[in-house]
Protein backbone atom coordinates (compact mmCIF):
# COMPACT_ATOMS: atom_id res chain seq x y z
CA UNK A 1 22.98 7.14 -1.41
CA UNK A 2 22.45 6.52 2.25
CA UNK A 3 19.03 6.38 3.82
CA UNK A 4 17.24 5.31 0.64
CA UNK A 5 15.80 1.83 0.54
CA UNK A 6 13.91 -0.24 -1.97
CA UNK A 7 10.14 -0.60 -1.66
CA UNK A 8 8.88 -3.64 0.23
CA UNK A 9 6.36 -5.72 -1.74
CA UNK A 10 3.66 -7.53 0.21
CA UNK A 11 2.18 -10.71 -1.26
CA UNK A 12 -1.14 -10.50 0.59
CA UNK A 13 -3.37 -8.08 2.47
CA UNK A 14 -2.49 -9.80 5.75
CA UNK A 15 1.22 -9.39 5.07
CA UNK A 16 0.77 -5.68 4.28
CA UNK A 17 -1.20 -5.24 7.51
CA UNK A 18 1.62 -6.93 9.43
CA UNK A 19 4.24 -4.65 7.82
CA UNK A 20 2.48 -1.38 8.70
CA UNK A 21 1.16 -2.41 12.13
CA UNK A 22 1.99 0.32 14.62
CA UNK A 23 3.38 2.66 11.94
CA UNK A 24 1.88 5.97 10.88
CA UNK A 25 0.74 5.89 7.25
CA UNK A 26 1.58 9.20 5.60
CA UNK A 27 -0.28 8.52 2.34
CA UNK A 28 -1.67 5.79 0.16
CA UNK A 29 -1.46 5.94 -3.64
CA UNK A 30 -3.53 3.81 -5.97
CA UNK A 31 -2.24 3.24 -9.50
CA UNK A 32 -4.28 1.36 -12.10
CA UNK A 33 -2.25 -0.60 -14.66
CA UNK A 34 -4.72 -2.34 -16.95
CA UNK A 35 -6.06 -5.36 -15.03
CA UNK A 36 -3.73 -4.82 -12.05
CA UNK A 37 -4.22 -2.21 -9.33
CA UNK A 38 -1.09 -1.27 -7.38
CA UNK A 39 -1.48 0.05 -3.83
CA UNK A 40 1.48 2.05 -2.51
CA UNK A 41 1.52 2.79 1.22
CA UNK A 42 4.10 5.33 2.43
CA UNK A 43 5.34 5.38 6.01
CA UNK A 44 8.12 7.52 7.38
CA UNK A 45 10.80 4.96 6.62
CA UNK A 46 9.48 2.62 3.89
CA UNK A 47 7.23 2.39 0.87
CA UNK A 48 5.11 -0.77 0.91
CA UNK A 49 3.40 -2.02 -2.25
CA UNK A 50 0.65 -4.54 -2.93
CA UNK A 51 -0.85 -5.65 -6.25
CA UNK A 52 -4.55 -6.53 -6.38
CA UNK A 53 -6.67 -7.58 -9.33
CA UNK A 54 -10.14 -6.19 -8.57
CA UNK A 55 -11.89 -3.13 -7.15
CA UNK A 56 -13.44 -5.30 -4.44
CA UNK A 57 -9.99 -6.30 -3.15
CA UNK A 58 -8.87 -2.65 -3.33
CA UNK A 59 -11.86 -1.61 -1.20
CA UNK A 60 -11.02 -4.37 1.29
CA UNK A 61 -7.37 -3.24 1.51
CA UNK A 62 -8.31 0.40 2.12
CA UNK A 63 -10.94 -0.59 4.68
CA UNK A 64 -8.65 -2.95 6.60
CA UNK A 65 -5.75 -0.49 6.66
CA UNK A 66 -7.96 2.43 7.74
CA UNK A 67 -6.16 4.83 5.40
CA UNK A 68 -7.68 8.32 5.12
CA UNK A 69 -5.26 9.97 2.69
CA UNK A 70 -5.80 8.09 -0.61
CA UNK A 71 -4.42 9.57 -3.86
CA UNK A 72 -5.52 8.15 -7.20
CA UNK A 73 -2.58 8.24 -9.67
């Protein structure tokens, strides 16, 4: 299929910030998988993901990205 691309996985909060800089974030989904929390940030063209291991890091990610539309999955 054309136009579909694989998600881009960021290795750090700084890298995720760099990826979405200047892009409009449509939504942010948070999925809890045992000890790991997966953050999925959707822009018009790509889905960016980041894995964090604590609620404190999740709060830092959401604060630094300035995301308003957060959906808990």
